[in-house]
N, C-alpha and C. Protein backbone atom coordinates (compact mmCIF):
# COMPACT_ATOMS: atom_id res chain seq x y z
N MET A 1 13.95 6.60 10.13
CA MET A 1 14.41 6.26 11.48
C MET A 1 15.86 5.80 11.43
N ARG A 2 16.63 6.23 12.43
CA ARG A 2 17.99 5.72 12.59
C ARG A 2 18.02 4.83 13.83
N ILE A 3 18.71 3.68 13.71
CA ILE A 3 18.88 2.77 14.83
C ILE A 3 20.36 2.46 14.98
N ASP A 4 20.88 2.64 16.21
CA ASP A 4 22.25 2.26 16.54
C ASP A 4 22.21 1.15 17.58
N ILE A 5 22.86 0.04 17.29
CA ILE A 5 22.98 -1.05 18.24
C ILE A 5 24.41 -1.08 18.76
N VAL A 6 24.57 -1.06 20.07
CA VAL A 6 25.89 -1.13 20.70
C VAL A 6 25.99 -2.48 21.40
N THR A 7 26.95 -3.29 20.98
CA THR A 7 27.02 -4.66 21.47
C THR A 7 28.46 -5.16 21.51
N LEU A 8 28.70 -6.20 22.27
CA LEU A 8 30.00 -6.87 22.26
C LEU A 8 30.13 -7.81 21.07
N PHE A 9 29.00 -8.14 20.43
CA PHE A 9 29.01 -9.14 19.36
C PHE A 9 28.27 -8.63 18.12
N PRO A 10 28.87 -7.74 17.37
CA PRO A 10 28.20 -7.14 16.21
C PRO A 10 27.73 -8.15 15.17
N GLU A 11 28.49 -9.23 14.98
CA GLU A 11 28.13 -10.18 13.93
C GLU A 11 26.83 -10.92 14.24
N ILE A 12 26.50 -11.07 15.52
CA ILE A 12 25.22 -11.68 15.87
C ILE A 12 24.07 -10.85 15.32
N CYS A 13 24.24 -9.55 15.30
CA CYS A 13 23.19 -8.65 14.81
C CYS A 13 23.22 -8.51 13.29
N ARG A 14 24.41 -8.48 12.71
CA ARG A 14 24.52 -8.18 11.28
C ARG A 14 23.85 -9.24 10.41
N ALA A 15 24.06 -10.50 10.72
CA ALA A 15 23.56 -11.56 9.84
C ALA A 15 22.04 -11.52 9.68
N PRO A 16 21.25 -11.60 10.76
CA PRO A 16 19.80 -11.61 10.57
C PRO A 16 19.23 -10.29 10.08
N LEU A 17 19.91 -9.18 10.37
CA LEU A 17 19.39 -7.88 9.96
C LEU A 17 19.88 -7.48 8.57
N SER A 18 20.56 -8.41 7.89
CA SER A 18 21.02 -8.16 6.52
C SER A 18 20.31 -9.05 5.51
N GLU A 19 19.17 -9.60 5.91
CA GLU A 19 18.42 -10.51 5.06
C GLU A 19 16.96 -10.05 4.93
N SER A 20 16.32 -10.52 3.87
CA SER A 20 14.87 -10.43 3.70
C SER A 20 14.35 -9.00 3.87
N ILE A 21 13.29 -8.85 4.64
CA ILE A 21 12.60 -7.57 4.79
C ILE A 21 13.51 -6.52 5.43
N MET A 22 14.34 -6.91 6.39
CA MET A 22 15.24 -5.94 7.03
C MET A 22 16.26 -5.40 6.04
N LYS A 23 16.74 -6.25 5.17
CA LYS A 23 17.69 -5.81 4.13
C LYS A 23 17.02 -4.81 3.19
N ARG A 24 15.79 -5.13 2.75
CA ARG A 24 15.09 -4.24 1.82
C ARG A 24 14.76 -2.90 2.47
N ALA A 25 14.42 -2.92 3.76
CA ALA A 25 14.11 -1.67 4.46
C ALA A 25 15.33 -0.75 4.49
N GLN A 26 16.51 -1.32 4.61
CA GLN A 26 17.73 -0.51 4.58
C GLN A 26 18.04 -0.03 3.17
N GLU A 27 17.86 -0.89 2.18
CA GLU A 27 18.12 -0.49 0.80
C GLU A 27 17.18 0.62 0.35
N LYS A 28 15.94 0.59 0.86
CA LYS A 28 14.96 1.63 0.52
C LYS A 28 15.10 2.86 1.43
N ARG A 29 16.06 2.84 2.33
CA ARG A 29 16.35 3.95 3.25
C ARG A 29 15.17 4.26 4.18
N ILE A 30 14.41 3.23 4.47
CA ILE A 30 13.35 3.38 5.46
C ILE A 30 13.96 3.43 6.85
N VAL A 31 15.03 2.66 7.04
CA VAL A 31 15.75 2.66 8.31
C VAL A 31 17.24 2.79 8.02
N ASP A 32 17.91 3.57 8.84
CA ASP A 32 19.36 3.76 8.76
C ASP A 32 19.97 3.02 9.94
N LEU A 33 20.46 1.81 9.70
CA LEU A 33 20.89 0.91 10.78
C LEU A 33 22.41 0.89 10.91
N HIS A 34 22.89 1.05 12.14
CA HIS A 34 24.33 1.01 12.42
C HIS A 34 24.57 0.07 13.60
N ILE A 35 25.55 -0.82 13.45
CA ILE A 35 25.88 -1.79 14.50
C ILE A 35 27.31 -1.54 14.94
N HIS A 36 27.50 -1.32 16.24
CA HIS A 36 28.80 -0.91 16.78
C HIS A 36 29.32 -1.90 17.82
N LYS A 37 30.64 -2.01 17.88
CA LYS A 37 31.29 -2.83 18.90
C LYS A 37 31.59 -1.96 20.12
N LEU A 38 31.06 -2.35 21.27
CA LEU A 38 31.23 -1.55 22.49
C LEU A 38 32.70 -1.33 22.83
N ARG A 39 33.56 -2.31 22.54
CA ARG A 39 34.98 -2.19 22.90
C ARG A 39 35.66 -1.01 22.21
N ASP A 40 35.07 -0.49 21.14
CA ASP A 40 35.66 0.65 20.45
C ASP A 40 35.67 1.90 21.33
N TRP A 41 34.86 1.92 22.37
CA TRP A 41 34.81 3.08 23.27
C TRP A 41 35.56 2.82 24.58
N ALA A 42 36.21 1.67 24.71
CA ALA A 42 37.04 1.42 25.89
C ALA A 42 38.38 2.13 25.70
N THR A 43 38.93 2.72 26.76
CA THR A 43 40.11 3.57 26.62
C THR A 43 41.42 2.89 27.03
N ASP A 44 41.36 1.72 27.69
CA ASP A 44 42.60 1.05 28.08
C ASP A 44 43.13 0.21 26.92
N LYS A 45 44.38 -0.21 27.00
CA LYS A 45 45.01 -0.89 25.86
C LYS A 45 44.39 -2.26 25.57
N HIS A 46 43.74 -2.86 26.56
CA HIS A 46 43.13 -4.17 26.35
C HIS A 46 41.64 -4.08 26.00
N HIS A 47 41.11 -2.88 25.95
CA HIS A 47 39.69 -2.64 25.62
C HIS A 47 38.75 -3.41 26.55
N VAL A 48 39.00 -3.28 27.84
CA VAL A 48 38.21 -3.98 28.85
C VAL A 48 36.86 -3.28 29.03
N VAL A 49 35.78 -4.04 29.02
CA VAL A 49 34.45 -3.47 29.19
C VAL A 49 33.70 -4.07 30.38
N ASP A 50 34.37 -4.93 31.17
CA ASP A 50 33.69 -5.56 32.29
C ASP A 50 34.64 -5.67 33.48
N ASP A 51 34.05 -5.88 34.66
CA ASP A 51 34.86 -6.03 35.87
C ASP A 51 34.04 -6.81 36.89
N ALA A 52 34.72 -7.25 37.96
CA ALA A 52 34.04 -8.02 39.01
C ALA A 52 33.06 -7.13 39.77
N PRO A 53 31.95 -7.68 40.24
CA PRO A 53 30.95 -6.87 40.96
C PRO A 53 31.40 -6.50 42.36
N PHE A 54 31.13 -5.27 42.78
CA PHE A 54 31.34 -4.89 44.17
C PHE A 54 30.41 -5.73 45.05
N GLY A 55 30.91 -6.12 46.22
CA GLY A 55 30.10 -6.91 47.13
C GLY A 55 30.20 -8.40 46.89
N GLY A 56 30.97 -8.79 45.86
CA GLY A 56 31.14 -10.20 45.56
C GLY A 56 30.03 -10.76 44.70
N GLY A 57 30.18 -12.01 44.34
CA GLY A 57 29.19 -12.67 43.49
C GLY A 57 29.83 -13.23 42.24
N GLN A 58 29.09 -14.09 41.55
CA GLN A 58 29.61 -14.73 40.36
C GLN A 58 29.51 -13.80 39.15
N GLY A 59 30.35 -14.11 38.16
CA GLY A 59 30.26 -13.41 36.89
C GLY A 59 30.89 -12.03 36.91
N MET A 60 30.71 -11.32 35.80
CA MET A 60 31.27 -10.00 35.60
C MET A 60 30.15 -9.02 35.27
N VAL A 61 30.43 -7.74 35.50
CA VAL A 61 29.46 -6.67 35.25
C VAL A 61 30.03 -5.72 34.20
N MET A 62 29.20 -5.29 33.28
CA MET A 62 29.65 -4.35 32.25
C MET A 62 29.90 -2.98 32.86
N LYS A 63 31.07 -2.41 32.56
CA LYS A 63 31.50 -1.14 33.14
C LYS A 63 30.69 0.04 32.56
N PRO A 64 30.50 1.09 33.35
CA PRO A 64 29.71 2.22 32.85
C PRO A 64 30.43 3.11 31.85
N GLU A 65 31.78 3.25 31.98
CA GLU A 65 32.49 4.23 31.15
C GLU A 65 32.30 4.03 29.65
N PRO A 66 32.55 2.84 29.11
CA PRO A 66 32.39 2.70 27.65
C PRO A 66 30.95 2.85 27.18
N ILE A 67 29.99 2.46 28.01
CA ILE A 67 28.58 2.59 27.62
C ILE A 67 28.19 4.06 27.54
N PHE A 68 28.54 4.84 28.57
CA PHE A 68 28.26 6.28 28.55
C PHE A 68 28.96 6.94 27.36
N ALA A 69 30.22 6.57 27.12
CA ALA A 69 30.98 7.17 26.02
C ALA A 69 30.33 6.85 24.67
N ALA A 70 29.88 5.62 24.50
CA ALA A 70 29.25 5.22 23.25
C ALA A 70 27.97 6.00 22.99
N VAL A 71 27.11 6.07 23.99
CA VAL A 71 25.83 6.77 23.83
C VAL A 71 26.04 8.25 23.58
N GLU A 72 26.94 8.87 24.34
CA GLU A 72 27.18 10.30 24.17
C GLU A 72 27.78 10.60 22.80
N ASP A 73 28.64 9.72 22.31
CA ASP A 73 29.24 9.91 20.99
C ASP A 73 28.17 9.79 19.90
N LEU A 74 27.32 8.77 19.99
CA LEU A 74 26.29 8.56 18.98
C LEU A 74 25.25 9.68 18.98
N LYS A 75 24.90 10.16 20.16
CA LYS A 75 23.95 11.27 20.24
C LYS A 75 24.52 12.53 19.62
N SER A 76 25.82 12.74 19.78
CA SER A 76 26.45 13.95 19.25
C SER A 76 26.48 13.95 17.73
N GLN A 77 26.42 12.76 17.11
CA GLN A 77 26.46 12.65 15.66
C GLN A 77 25.17 13.11 15.00
N ILE A 78 24.08 13.06 15.75
CA ILE A 78 22.78 13.49 15.20
C ILE A 78 22.10 14.41 16.21
N ALA A 79 22.74 15.52 16.45
CA ALA A 79 22.28 16.45 17.49
C ALA A 79 20.90 17.02 17.25
N ASN A 80 20.42 16.93 16.01
CA ASN A 80 19.12 17.52 15.68
C ASN A 80 17.96 16.57 15.93
N ARG A 81 18.23 15.37 16.47
CA ARG A 81 17.17 14.40 16.75
C ARG A 81 17.14 14.05 18.24
N LYS A 82 15.95 13.70 18.72
CA LYS A 82 15.82 13.19 20.07
C LYS A 82 16.09 11.70 20.05
N SER A 83 16.99 11.25 20.89
CA SER A 83 17.36 9.84 20.93
C SER A 83 16.66 9.13 22.08
N GLN A 84 16.16 7.94 21.79
CA GLN A 84 15.57 7.07 22.81
C GLN A 84 16.60 5.99 23.12
N ILE A 85 17.05 5.93 24.38
CA ILE A 85 18.11 5.01 24.78
C ILE A 85 17.49 3.78 25.42
N LEU A 86 17.75 2.60 24.85
CA LEU A 86 17.15 1.36 25.33
C LEU A 86 18.24 0.40 25.79
N LEU A 87 17.92 -0.38 26.82
CA LEU A 87 18.81 -1.43 27.30
C LEU A 87 18.08 -2.76 27.25
N MET A 88 18.66 -3.74 26.55
CA MET A 88 18.08 -5.07 26.51
C MET A 88 18.54 -5.83 27.75
N SER A 89 17.58 -6.23 28.57
CA SER A 89 17.90 -6.87 29.85
C SER A 89 16.73 -7.74 30.30
N PRO A 90 16.99 -8.94 30.87
CA PRO A 90 15.89 -9.76 31.37
C PRO A 90 15.16 -9.12 32.54
N ALA A 91 15.74 -8.07 33.12
CA ALA A 91 15.10 -7.38 34.24
C ALA A 91 14.23 -6.21 33.79
N GLY A 92 14.08 -6.02 32.47
CA GLY A 92 13.34 -4.88 31.96
C GLY A 92 11.85 -5.13 31.82
N ARG A 93 11.13 -4.12 31.32
CA ARG A 93 9.70 -4.26 31.00
C ARG A 93 9.53 -5.24 29.86
N ARG A 94 8.48 -6.05 29.93
CA ARG A 94 8.28 -7.05 28.89
C ARG A 94 7.87 -6.37 27.58
N PHE A 95 8.57 -6.73 26.51
CA PHE A 95 8.31 -6.17 25.19
C PHE A 95 7.04 -6.77 24.60
N ASP A 96 6.22 -5.93 23.97
CA ASP A 96 5.01 -6.42 23.31
C ASP A 96 4.73 -5.56 22.08
N GLN A 97 3.65 -5.88 21.38
CA GLN A 97 3.33 -5.19 20.13
C GLN A 97 3.04 -3.71 20.35
N GLU A 98 2.41 -3.40 21.47
CA GLU A 98 2.11 -2.00 21.76
C GLU A 98 3.40 -1.20 21.94
N MET A 99 4.38 -1.78 22.62
CA MET A 99 5.65 -1.09 22.80
C MET A 99 6.38 -0.95 21.46
N ALA A 100 6.30 -1.99 20.63
CA ALA A 100 6.92 -1.91 19.30
C ALA A 100 6.31 -0.77 18.49
N GLN A 101 4.99 -0.61 18.58
CA GLN A 101 4.30 0.46 17.88
C GLN A 101 4.76 1.83 18.38
N GLN A 102 4.90 1.96 19.68
CA GLN A 102 5.36 3.22 20.26
C GLN A 102 6.78 3.55 19.81
N LEU A 103 7.66 2.55 19.82
CA LEU A 103 9.05 2.78 19.43
C LEU A 103 9.17 3.09 17.95
N SER A 104 8.25 2.60 17.13
CA SER A 104 8.30 2.87 15.70
C SER A 104 8.02 4.34 15.37
N GLN A 105 7.52 5.09 16.35
CA GLN A 105 7.25 6.51 16.16
C GLN A 105 8.48 7.38 16.47
N GLU A 106 9.51 6.77 17.04
CA GLU A 106 10.73 7.52 17.39
C GLU A 106 11.58 7.76 16.15
N SER A 107 12.41 8.80 16.19
CA SER A 107 13.28 9.09 15.05
C SER A 107 14.66 8.47 15.22
N HIS A 108 15.05 8.17 16.48
CA HIS A 108 16.39 7.61 16.71
C HIS A 108 16.36 6.70 17.93
N LEU A 109 16.79 5.46 17.74
CA LEU A 109 16.91 4.50 18.83
C LEU A 109 18.38 4.12 19.00
N ILE A 110 18.86 4.17 20.24
CA ILE A 110 20.17 3.61 20.58
C ILE A 110 19.90 2.42 21.48
N ILE A 111 20.31 1.24 21.03
CA ILE A 111 20.01 0.00 21.76
C ILE A 111 21.31 -0.56 22.33
N ILE A 112 21.36 -0.69 23.64
CA ILE A 112 22.52 -1.26 24.33
C ILE A 112 22.22 -2.72 24.63
N SER A 113 23.12 -3.60 24.23
CA SER A 113 22.92 -5.03 24.46
C SER A 113 23.64 -5.44 25.74
N GLY A 114 22.89 -5.86 26.73
CA GLY A 114 23.48 -6.33 27.98
C GLY A 114 24.20 -7.65 27.79
N HIS A 115 25.08 -7.98 28.74
CA HIS A 115 25.82 -9.24 28.70
C HIS A 115 26.33 -9.53 30.10
N TYR A 116 26.99 -10.66 30.27
CA TYR A 116 27.51 -11.10 31.57
C TYR A 116 26.38 -11.09 32.61
N GLU A 117 26.67 -10.53 33.79
CA GLU A 117 25.66 -10.47 34.85
C GLU A 117 24.83 -9.19 34.77
N GLY A 118 25.01 -8.44 33.68
CA GLY A 118 24.26 -7.20 33.52
C GLY A 118 25.20 -6.01 33.44
N VAL A 119 24.63 -4.81 33.51
CA VAL A 119 25.41 -3.58 33.42
C VAL A 119 25.44 -2.88 34.78
N ASP A 120 26.45 -2.07 34.98
CA ASP A 120 26.52 -1.23 36.17
C ASP A 120 25.22 -0.44 36.30
N HIS A 121 24.62 -0.46 37.47
CA HIS A 121 23.28 0.10 37.62
C HIS A 121 23.22 1.61 37.39
N ARG A 122 24.36 2.27 37.42
CA ARG A 122 24.37 3.70 37.13
C ARG A 122 23.99 3.99 35.68
N VAL A 123 24.20 3.01 34.80
CA VAL A 123 23.74 3.14 33.41
C VAL A 123 22.22 3.21 33.39
N ILE A 124 21.58 2.34 34.17
CA ILE A 124 20.13 2.30 34.22
C ILE A 124 19.56 3.54 34.89
N GLU A 125 20.22 3.99 35.94
CA GLU A 125 19.73 5.14 36.70
C GLU A 125 19.91 6.47 35.97
N HIS A 126 20.99 6.62 35.22
CA HIS A 126 21.35 7.95 34.72
C HIS A 126 21.50 8.07 33.19
N LEU A 127 21.33 6.97 32.45
CA LEU A 127 21.58 7.06 31.01
C LEU A 127 20.40 6.60 30.16
N ILE A 128 19.86 5.44 30.45
CA ILE A 128 18.85 4.89 29.55
C ILE A 128 17.46 5.45 29.84
N ASP A 129 16.60 5.34 28.82
CA ASP A 129 15.20 5.75 28.96
C ASP A 129 14.29 4.58 29.28
N LEU A 130 14.69 3.38 28.79
CA LEU A 130 13.80 2.23 28.96
C LEU A 130 14.61 0.95 28.97
N GLU A 131 14.34 0.11 29.97
CA GLU A 131 14.95 -1.21 30.09
C GLU A 131 13.93 -2.23 29.59
N ILE A 132 14.34 -3.06 28.62
CA ILE A 132 13.37 -3.92 27.92
C ILE A 132 13.80 -5.39 27.97
N SER A 133 12.84 -6.26 28.24
CA SER A 133 13.03 -7.71 28.16
C SER A 133 12.10 -8.26 27.08
N ILE A 134 12.58 -9.20 26.27
CA ILE A 134 11.71 -9.77 25.24
C ILE A 134 10.96 -10.99 25.75
N GLY A 135 11.15 -11.37 27.00
CA GLY A 135 10.41 -12.50 27.54
C GLY A 135 10.98 -12.97 28.86
N ASP A 136 10.24 -13.83 29.53
CA ASP A 136 10.64 -14.31 30.85
C ASP A 136 11.59 -15.50 30.73
N TYR A 137 12.75 -15.24 30.17
CA TYR A 137 13.80 -16.24 30.05
C TYR A 137 15.11 -15.48 29.86
N VAL A 138 16.24 -16.18 29.97
CA VAL A 138 17.55 -15.54 29.87
C VAL A 138 18.28 -16.05 28.64
N LEU A 139 18.84 -15.14 27.85
CA LEU A 139 19.62 -15.46 26.67
C LEU A 139 21.11 -15.34 26.96
N THR A 140 21.91 -15.86 26.05
CA THR A 140 23.36 -15.75 26.23
C THR A 140 23.82 -14.31 26.27
N ASN A 141 23.23 -13.47 25.43
CA ASN A 141 23.56 -12.04 25.47
C ASN A 141 22.44 -11.23 24.85
N GLY A 142 22.47 -9.94 25.09
CA GLY A 142 21.40 -9.05 24.65
C GLY A 142 21.39 -8.74 23.18
N ALA A 143 22.43 -9.12 22.43
CA ALA A 143 22.44 -8.86 20.99
C ALA A 143 21.31 -9.61 20.31
N ILE A 144 21.03 -10.81 20.76
CA ILE A 144 19.94 -11.60 20.18
C ILE A 144 18.61 -10.88 20.42
N ALA A 145 18.42 -10.39 21.63
CA ALA A 145 17.20 -9.65 21.96
C ALA A 145 17.10 -8.36 21.15
N ALA A 146 18.22 -7.70 20.93
CA ALA A 146 18.23 -6.46 20.15
C ALA A 146 17.75 -6.71 18.72
N VAL A 147 18.15 -7.84 18.14
CA VAL A 147 17.70 -8.18 16.79
C VAL A 147 16.18 -8.35 16.76
N VAL A 148 15.65 -9.03 17.76
CA VAL A 148 14.20 -9.24 17.85
C VAL A 148 13.48 -7.89 17.91
N LEU A 149 13.97 -7.00 18.75
CA LEU A 149 13.33 -5.68 18.90
C LEU A 149 13.39 -4.90 17.59
N VAL A 150 14.55 -4.86 16.95
CA VAL A 150 14.70 -4.09 15.71
C VAL A 150 13.78 -4.63 14.63
N ASP A 151 13.73 -5.94 14.48
CA ASP A 151 12.86 -6.53 13.46
C ASP A 151 11.41 -6.16 13.69
N SER A 152 10.95 -6.26 14.93
CA SER A 152 9.53 -5.99 15.22
C SER A 152 9.18 -4.52 15.06
N VAL A 153 10.14 -3.63 15.28
CA VAL A 153 9.90 -2.20 15.13
C VAL A 153 9.97 -1.77 13.67
N VAL A 154 11.00 -2.22 12.96
CA VAL A 154 11.21 -1.78 11.58
C VAL A 154 10.07 -2.23 10.67
N ARG A 155 9.52 -3.42 10.91
CA ARG A 155 8.44 -3.90 10.05
C ARG A 155 7.18 -3.05 10.17
N LEU A 156 7.10 -2.22 11.22
CA LEU A 156 5.96 -1.32 11.39
C LEU A 156 6.14 0.01 10.69
N LEU A 157 7.34 0.29 10.20
CA LEU A 157 7.60 1.56 9.53
C LEU A 157 6.93 1.57 8.16
N PRO A 158 6.31 2.68 7.78
CA PRO A 158 5.62 2.76 6.48
C PRO A 158 6.55 2.40 5.32
N GLY A 159 6.08 1.50 4.46
CA GLY A 159 6.84 1.10 3.29
C GLY A 159 7.66 -0.16 3.47
N THR A 160 7.80 -0.65 4.72
CA THR A 160 8.64 -1.83 4.95
C THR A 160 7.98 -3.09 4.41
N LEU A 161 6.72 -3.29 4.73
CA LEU A 161 6.00 -4.48 4.29
C LEU A 161 5.33 -4.24 2.93
N GLY A 162 5.03 -5.32 2.25
CA GLY A 162 4.49 -5.21 0.90
C GLY A 162 3.08 -4.66 0.86
N HIS A 163 2.31 -4.82 1.93
CA HIS A 163 0.92 -4.35 1.96
C HIS A 163 0.71 -3.55 3.23
N GLU A 164 0.10 -2.39 3.12
CA GLU A 164 -0.05 -1.50 4.27
C GLU A 164 -0.89 -2.11 5.39
N ARG A 165 -1.72 -3.14 5.07
CA ARG A 165 -2.54 -3.78 6.08
C ARG A 165 -1.84 -4.96 6.74
N SER A 166 -0.66 -5.35 6.24
CA SER A 166 0.00 -6.55 6.74
C SER A 166 0.24 -6.49 8.24
N ALA A 167 0.82 -5.40 8.72
CA ALA A 167 1.12 -5.29 10.15
C ALA A 167 -0.15 -5.14 10.97
N ALA A 168 -1.15 -4.46 10.42
CA ALA A 168 -2.39 -4.23 11.16
C ALA A 168 -3.14 -5.53 11.43
N ASP A 169 -2.94 -6.53 10.59
CA ASP A 169 -3.64 -7.80 10.74
C ASP A 169 -2.85 -8.83 11.54
N ASP A 170 -1.65 -8.48 11.98
CA ASP A 170 -0.81 -9.42 12.73
C ASP A 170 -1.43 -9.78 14.08
N SER A 171 -0.92 -10.90 14.62
CA SER A 171 -1.27 -11.25 16.00
C SER A 171 -0.89 -10.10 16.93
N PHE A 172 -1.70 -9.90 17.97
CA PHE A 172 -1.51 -8.90 19.03
C PHE A 172 -1.89 -7.48 18.62
N SER A 173 -2.01 -7.21 17.32
CA SER A 173 -2.29 -5.84 16.89
C SER A 173 -3.66 -5.36 17.38
N ASN A 174 -4.61 -6.29 17.51
CA ASN A 174 -5.94 -5.91 18.00
C ASN A 174 -6.29 -6.63 19.30
N GLY A 175 -5.26 -7.11 19.99
CA GLY A 175 -5.48 -7.79 21.26
C GLY A 175 -5.74 -9.27 21.13
N LEU A 176 -5.77 -9.79 19.90
CA LEU A 176 -6.03 -11.20 19.66
C LEU A 176 -4.90 -11.81 18.83
N LEU A 177 -4.79 -13.14 18.88
CA LEU A 177 -3.90 -13.83 17.97
C LEU A 177 -4.52 -13.83 16.58
N GLU A 178 -3.69 -14.03 15.58
CA GLU A 178 -4.19 -14.02 14.21
C GLU A 178 -5.02 -15.27 13.94
N ALA A 179 -6.03 -15.14 13.12
CA ALA A 179 -6.88 -16.27 12.74
C ALA A 179 -6.10 -17.25 11.87
N PRO A 180 -6.54 -18.52 11.80
CA PRO A 180 -5.87 -19.50 10.94
C PRO A 180 -5.85 -19.06 9.48
N GLN A 181 -4.76 -19.41 8.79
CA GLN A 181 -4.61 -19.07 7.37
C GLN A 181 -4.51 -20.34 6.53
N TYR A 182 -5.02 -20.31 5.30
CA TYR A 182 -4.98 -21.45 4.39
C TYR A 182 -4.58 -20.98 2.99
N THR A 183 -4.04 -21.90 2.21
CA THR A 183 -3.73 -21.62 0.81
C THR A 183 -3.94 -22.89 -0.01
N ARG A 184 -3.65 -22.84 -1.29
CA ARG A 184 -3.85 -23.99 -2.16
C ARG A 184 -2.93 -25.15 -1.76
N PRO A 185 -3.40 -26.40 -1.92
CA PRO A 185 -4.68 -26.82 -2.50
C PRO A 185 -5.82 -26.73 -1.49
N ALA A 186 -7.03 -26.60 -1.99
CA ALA A 186 -8.20 -26.49 -1.12
C ALA A 186 -8.52 -27.81 -0.43
N ASP A 187 -8.04 -28.90 -1.02
CA ASP A 187 -8.24 -30.23 -0.43
C ASP A 187 -6.89 -30.92 -0.38
N PHE A 188 -6.35 -31.11 0.82
CA PHE A 188 -5.04 -31.74 0.99
C PHE A 188 -5.19 -32.92 1.94
N ARG A 189 -4.96 -34.12 1.42
CA ARG A 189 -5.09 -35.36 2.19
C ARG A 189 -6.47 -35.46 2.86
N ALA A 190 -7.46 -35.02 2.15
CA ALA A 190 -8.85 -35.02 2.60
C ALA A 190 -9.13 -34.00 3.70
N TRP A 191 -8.17 -33.13 3.99
CA TRP A 191 -8.39 -32.02 4.92
C TRP A 191 -8.74 -30.79 4.08
N LYS A 192 -9.94 -30.32 4.23
CA LYS A 192 -10.44 -29.27 3.35
C LYS A 192 -10.40 -27.90 4.03
N VAL A 193 -10.18 -26.90 3.21
CA VAL A 193 -10.22 -25.51 3.67
C VAL A 193 -11.67 -25.18 4.05
N PRO A 194 -11.89 -24.44 5.15
CA PRO A 194 -13.26 -24.05 5.51
C PRO A 194 -13.98 -23.40 4.34
N GLU A 195 -15.21 -23.82 4.12
CA GLU A 195 -15.97 -23.36 2.96
C GLU A 195 -16.14 -21.84 2.93
N VAL A 196 -16.24 -21.22 4.10
CA VAL A 196 -16.48 -19.78 4.14
C VAL A 196 -15.36 -19.02 3.45
N LEU A 197 -14.12 -19.54 3.50
CA LEU A 197 -12.99 -18.84 2.89
C LEU A 197 -13.03 -18.93 1.37
N LEU A 198 -13.80 -19.85 0.85
CA LEU A 198 -13.93 -20.01 -0.60
C LEU A 198 -15.18 -19.35 -1.14
N SER A 199 -15.97 -18.78 -0.25
CA SER A 199 -17.29 -18.26 -0.64
C SER A 199 -17.24 -16.93 -1.37
N GLY A 200 -16.22 -16.14 -1.13
CA GLY A 200 -16.17 -14.80 -1.71
C GLY A 200 -17.00 -13.78 -0.95
N ASN A 201 -17.65 -14.21 0.14
CA ASN A 201 -18.46 -13.32 0.97
C ASN A 201 -17.55 -12.68 2.02
N HIS A 202 -17.12 -11.46 1.77
CA HIS A 202 -16.11 -10.83 2.62
C HIS A 202 -16.63 -10.55 4.03
N ALA A 203 -17.89 -10.25 4.16
CA ALA A 203 -18.45 -10.01 5.49
C ALA A 203 -18.44 -11.29 6.33
N GLU A 204 -18.81 -12.40 5.70
CA GLU A 204 -18.82 -13.68 6.42
C GLU A 204 -17.39 -14.15 6.72
N ILE A 205 -16.48 -13.87 5.80
CA ILE A 205 -15.07 -14.23 6.03
C ILE A 205 -14.51 -13.44 7.21
N ALA A 206 -14.79 -12.14 7.27
CA ALA A 206 -14.33 -11.30 8.37
C ALA A 206 -14.91 -11.80 9.70
N LYS A 207 -16.18 -12.16 9.69
CA LYS A 207 -16.84 -12.68 10.90
C LYS A 207 -16.19 -13.98 11.34
N TRP A 208 -15.93 -14.89 10.39
CA TRP A 208 -15.30 -16.17 10.70
C TRP A 208 -13.91 -15.96 11.29
N ARG A 209 -13.15 -15.06 10.69
CA ARG A 209 -11.79 -14.80 11.18
C ARG A 209 -11.79 -14.23 12.59
N LYS A 210 -12.74 -13.36 12.87
CA LYS A 210 -12.84 -12.80 14.23
C LYS A 210 -13.18 -13.91 15.23
N GLU A 211 -14.09 -14.77 14.87
CA GLU A 211 -14.48 -15.87 15.76
C GLU A 211 -13.30 -16.82 15.99
N GLN A 212 -12.59 -17.14 14.92
CA GLN A 212 -11.46 -18.06 15.04
C GLN A 212 -10.29 -17.44 15.82
N ALA A 213 -10.08 -16.14 15.61
CA ALA A 213 -9.03 -15.45 16.36
C ALA A 213 -9.34 -15.44 17.86
N THR A 214 -10.59 -15.22 18.19
CA THR A 214 -11.01 -15.22 19.59
C THR A 214 -10.83 -16.61 20.20
N LYS A 215 -11.25 -17.63 19.47
CA LYS A 215 -11.11 -19.01 19.95
C LYS A 215 -9.65 -19.39 20.14
N ARG A 216 -8.82 -19.03 19.15
CA ARG A 216 -7.40 -19.37 19.21
C ARG A 216 -6.72 -18.67 20.38
N THR A 217 -7.07 -17.43 20.62
CA THR A 217 -6.49 -16.66 21.72
C THR A 217 -6.91 -17.26 23.06
N ARG A 218 -8.17 -17.64 23.17
CA ARG A 218 -8.66 -18.20 24.42
C ARG A 218 -7.94 -19.51 24.78
N VAL A 219 -7.62 -20.30 23.75
CA VAL A 219 -6.95 -21.58 23.98
C VAL A 219 -5.45 -21.40 24.23
N ASN A 220 -4.79 -20.62 23.35
CA ASN A 220 -3.33 -20.50 23.41
C ASN A 220 -2.82 -19.41 24.34
N ARG A 221 -3.56 -18.32 24.47
CA ARG A 221 -3.12 -17.20 25.29
C ARG A 221 -4.26 -16.64 26.13
N PRO A 222 -4.78 -17.41 27.07
CA PRO A 222 -5.88 -16.91 27.90
C PRO A 222 -5.50 -15.67 28.71
N ASP A 223 -4.19 -15.46 28.91
CA ASP A 223 -3.73 -14.29 29.64
C ASP A 223 -4.08 -13.00 28.93
N LEU A 224 -4.22 -13.03 27.60
CA LEU A 224 -4.56 -11.82 26.85
C LEU A 224 -5.98 -11.36 27.17
N PHE A 225 -6.86 -12.30 27.50
CA PHE A 225 -8.21 -11.92 27.89
C PHE A 225 -8.21 -11.25 29.25
N ARG A 226 -7.34 -11.71 30.15
CA ARG A 226 -7.27 -11.11 31.46
C ARG A 226 -6.66 -9.72 31.40
């Protein structure tokens, strides 16, 4: 998979995506990640990418010209692949594990990071395929959200995680939160690990984990049941 992130703040993306599992995924060529500065596609001498909104209002709006130029340039570099164009925006569809799974099947993602008061709506109407929000809150800029999306998608690619079942057992993968996990010591400050986990009975352990996952989901995320 190739992923291109187009942002005003490349360094926000580079640091977290150059560590740990994301770093290894790139070294193993599981993902081909490129981070671009949007201003590189601005044509005026000051590299302006925003302007005041028509109709008045506070803040600035990202101009359509550099965004269209960036996407068209990146698509032309890999003409033999179908590109999925994404916009990170608080006004988009809420991101979840199912969407991450769907995006992990794509061969090329171009992610546009929103900023200021948003982007010119002609970008949304005529350029992007999907507008995505990572939650019901507002961030300083979309580069942070882009990092979250890339991490959640790349970890689903075959070979990224150390065990092929790791992603399948994650929270949300089966509609429930993950069951509680324990490790050594078995007795810590008189708080003991549940006996079933020490029993070696895999059927009983699986049953316990399902029960605990259901209980945890009902308490912490009752909306998932609805």
